[in-house]
Amino acid sequence: MREARTFVQATLGLCVTPSTDLLDRALIVVSELASNAIQHTASGEDGGRFGVEVYRRPGAITIEVRDEGPRRGGPESEPHVRRGPIDAVHGRGLAMVEALAEEWSTRRRADGRVVGCTLRDERDGSESERQGWSV
């Protein structure tokens, strides 16, 4: 996940100097989304990979994590927000993403799934930028 956070921080720095709040939120959500890809999908198996993409448009950024789909022999479940005790150690990642993001979504692909979220930047941004990277 360190590589995913480093990529998001560097990419946002290429687009515009992000506010501390936006950068903090972006690093938290990419950590949670990448963690989920590793823990719950084939991306976390030997030889597995996941990809991170960052899209910037005026007033917002979107971060997407692309995984390799269900684990071999594992169930095909959709990502969902768990509602549990506030002191739960696991299962709160998407709840944090939901709290920090304007919106979050998931979509299937032939080679896996993409889970992403959009974070509002109160400052007006410049032209849209797109950077992608796979780990």
Protein backbone atom coordinates (compact mmCIF):
# COMPACT_ATOMS: atom_id res chain seq x y z
CA MET A 1 0.00 0.00 0.00
CA ARG A 2 2.95 2.30 0.50
CA GLU A 3 3.46 2.36 -3.28
CA ALA A 4 -0.20 3.23 -3.87
CA ARG A 5 -0.07 6.12 -1.37
CA THR A 6 3.22 7.38 -2.85
CA PHE A 7 1.73 7.25 -6.35
CA VAL A 8 -1.40 9.19 -5.35
CA GLN A 9 0.65 11.82 -3.51
CA ALA A 10 3.03 12.26 -6.47
CA THR A 11 0.22 12.32 -9.03
CA LEU A 12 -1.75 14.95 -7.15
CA GLY A 13 1.43 17.00 -6.86
CA LEU A 14 1.79 16.93 -10.66
CA CYS A 15 -1.77 18.19 -11.17
CA VAL A 16 -1.83 20.95 -8.58
CA THR A 17 -0.55 21.40 -5.05
CA PRO A 18 -3.28 19.62 -3.09
CA SER A 19 -4.68 21.04 0.11
CA THR A 20 -3.60 19.16 3.22
CA ASP A 21 -7.20 18.03 3.78
CA LEU A 22 -7.58 16.68 0.24
CA LEU A 23 -4.22 14.91 0.35
CA ASP A 24 -5.00 13.35 3.75
CA ARG A 25 -8.38 12.07 2.54
CA ALA A 26 -6.88 10.76 -0.71
CA LEU A 27 -4.17 8.83 1.13
CA ILE A 28 -6.68 7.30 3.55
CA VAL A 29 -9.08 6.16 0.82
CA VAL A 30 -6.39 4.71 -1.46
CA SER A 31 -5.00 2.80 1.52
CA GLU A 32 -8.43 1.37 2.31
CA LEU A 33 -9.28 0.49 -1.29
CA ALA A 34 -5.87 -1.09 -1.92
CA SER A 35 -6.10 -3.02 1.36
CA ASN A 36 -9.48 -4.39 0.32
CA ALA A 37 -8.09 -5.45 -3.06
CA ILE A 38 -5.29 -7.35 -1.35
CA GLN A 39 -7.41 -8.88 1.43
CA HIS A 40 -10.53 -9.83 -0.49
CA THR A 41 -9.57 -10.53 -4.12
CA ALA A 42 -7.17 -12.50 -6.28
CA SER A 43 -4.93 -9.42 -6.26
CA GLY A 44 -3.74 -10.57 -2.83
CA GLU A 45 -2.72 -14.03 -3.99
CA ASP A 46 0.78 -14.98 -5.16
CA GLY A 47 1.48 -13.11 -8.39
CA GLY A 48 -1.60 -10.90 -7.92
CA ARG A 49 -1.65 -7.26 -8.89
CA PHE A 50 -3.88 -4.25 -8.51
CA GLY A 51 -3.90 -0.91 -10.27
CA VAL A 52 -4.52 2.63 -9.08
CA GLU A 53 -5.82 5.46 -11.24
CA VAL A 54 -6.28 9.10 -10.30
CA TYR A 55 -8.52 11.48 -12.24
CA ARG A 56 -8.55 15.20 -11.59
CA ARG A 57 -11.20 17.62 -12.74
CA PRO A 58 -12.13 21.06 -11.49
CA GLY A 59 -13.30 20.77 -7.91
CA ALA A 60 -12.73 17.03 -7.42
CA ILE A 61 -10.49 14.01 -7.77
CA THR A 62 -11.49 10.41 -8.35
CA ILE A 63 -9.36 7.52 -7.15
CA GLU A 64 -9.99 4.04 -8.53
CA VAL A 65 -8.45 0.72 -7.53
CA ARG A 66 -8.69 -2.10 -10.06
CA ASP A 67 -8.41 -5.66 -8.72
CA GLU A 68 -8.22 -9.12 -10.30
CA GLY A 69 -11.64 -10.36 -9.14
CA PRO A 70 -12.57 -13.09 -6.67
CA ARG A 71 -9.97 -15.30 -5.05
CA ARG A 72 -9.59 -18.77 -6.54
CA GLY A 73 -12.38 -20.87 -5.08
CA GLY A 74 -13.69 -17.91 -3.10
CA PRO A 75 -17.14 -16.34 -3.12
CA GLU A 76 -18.04 -13.61 -5.57
CA SER A 77 -19.22 -10.91 -3.22
CA GLU A 78 -19.71 -7.23 -3.91
CA PRO A 79 -17.94 -4.64 -1.79
CA HIS A 80 -20.32 -3.18 0.77
CA VAL A 81 -20.24 -0.94 3.83
CA ARG A 82 -20.44 -2.89 7.07
CA ARG A 83 -22.30 -1.35 9.97
CA GLY A 84 -20.71 -2.57 13.16
CA PRO A 85 -19.43 -1.41 16.50
CA ILE A 86 -17.28 1.71 16.47
CA ASP A 87 -14.44 -0.19 18.15
CA ALA A 88 -14.36 -3.02 15.57
CA VAL A 89 -10.82 -3.80 14.42
CA HIS A 90 -11.80 -4.96 10.90
CA GLY A 91 -14.58 -4.23 8.44
CA ARG A 92 -14.69 -0.45 8.64
CA GLY A 93 -12.66 0.48 5.54
CA LEU A 94 -15.54 1.22 3.17
CA ALA A 95 -17.39 3.03 5.96
CA MET A 96 -14.38 5.37 6.20
CA VAL A 97 -14.31 5.77 2.42
CA GLU A 98 -18.04 6.55 2.45
CA ALA A 99 -17.55 9.14 5.21
CA LEU A 100 -14.65 10.90 3.46
CA ALA A 101 -15.86 10.78 -0.14
CA GLU A 102 -18.61 12.58 -1.96
CA GLU A 103 -19.51 9.22 -3.50
CA TRP A 104 -18.07 5.74 -3.99
CA SER A 105 -18.89 3.02 -6.48
CA THR A 106 -17.97 -0.41 -7.74
CA ARG A 107 -18.20 -1.93 -11.19
CA ARG A 108 -17.30 -5.30 -12.63
CA ARG A 109 -14.87 -5.77 -15.47
CA ALA A 110 -14.06 -8.88 -17.46
CA ASP A 111 -10.73 -9.09 -15.62
CA GLY A 112 -11.89 -8.09 -12.14
CA ARG A 113 -13.54 -5.13 -10.49
CA VAL A 114 -12.97 -1.41 -10.00
CA VAL A 115 -13.81 0.29 -6.71
CA GLY A 116 -13.48 4.05 -6.68
CA CYS A 117 -14.50 7.22 -4.95
CA THR A 118 -14.69 10.92 -5.64
CA LEU A 119 -13.30 13.49 -3.23
CA ARG A 120 -14.38 17.11 -3.45
CA ASP A 121 -11.68 19.77 -3.56
CA GLU A 122 -13.15 23.06 -2.48
CA ARG A 123 -10.56 24.92 -4.53
CA ASP A 124 -11.24 25.22 -8.23
CA GLY A 125 -8.86 22.93 -10.15
CA SER A 126 -7.43 23.15 -13.62
CA GLU A 127 -7.86 20.82 -16.59
CA SER A 128 -8.57 17.17 -15.94
CA GLU A 129 -5.56 14.92 -15.59
CA ARG A 130 -5.33 11.15 -15.67
CA GLN A 131 -2.48 9.08 -14.38
CA GLY A 132 -2.44 5.29 -14.00
CA TRP A 133 -0.09 2.80 -12.42
CA SER A 134 -0.09 -0.87 -11.49
CA VAL A 135 1.59 -2.47 -8.51
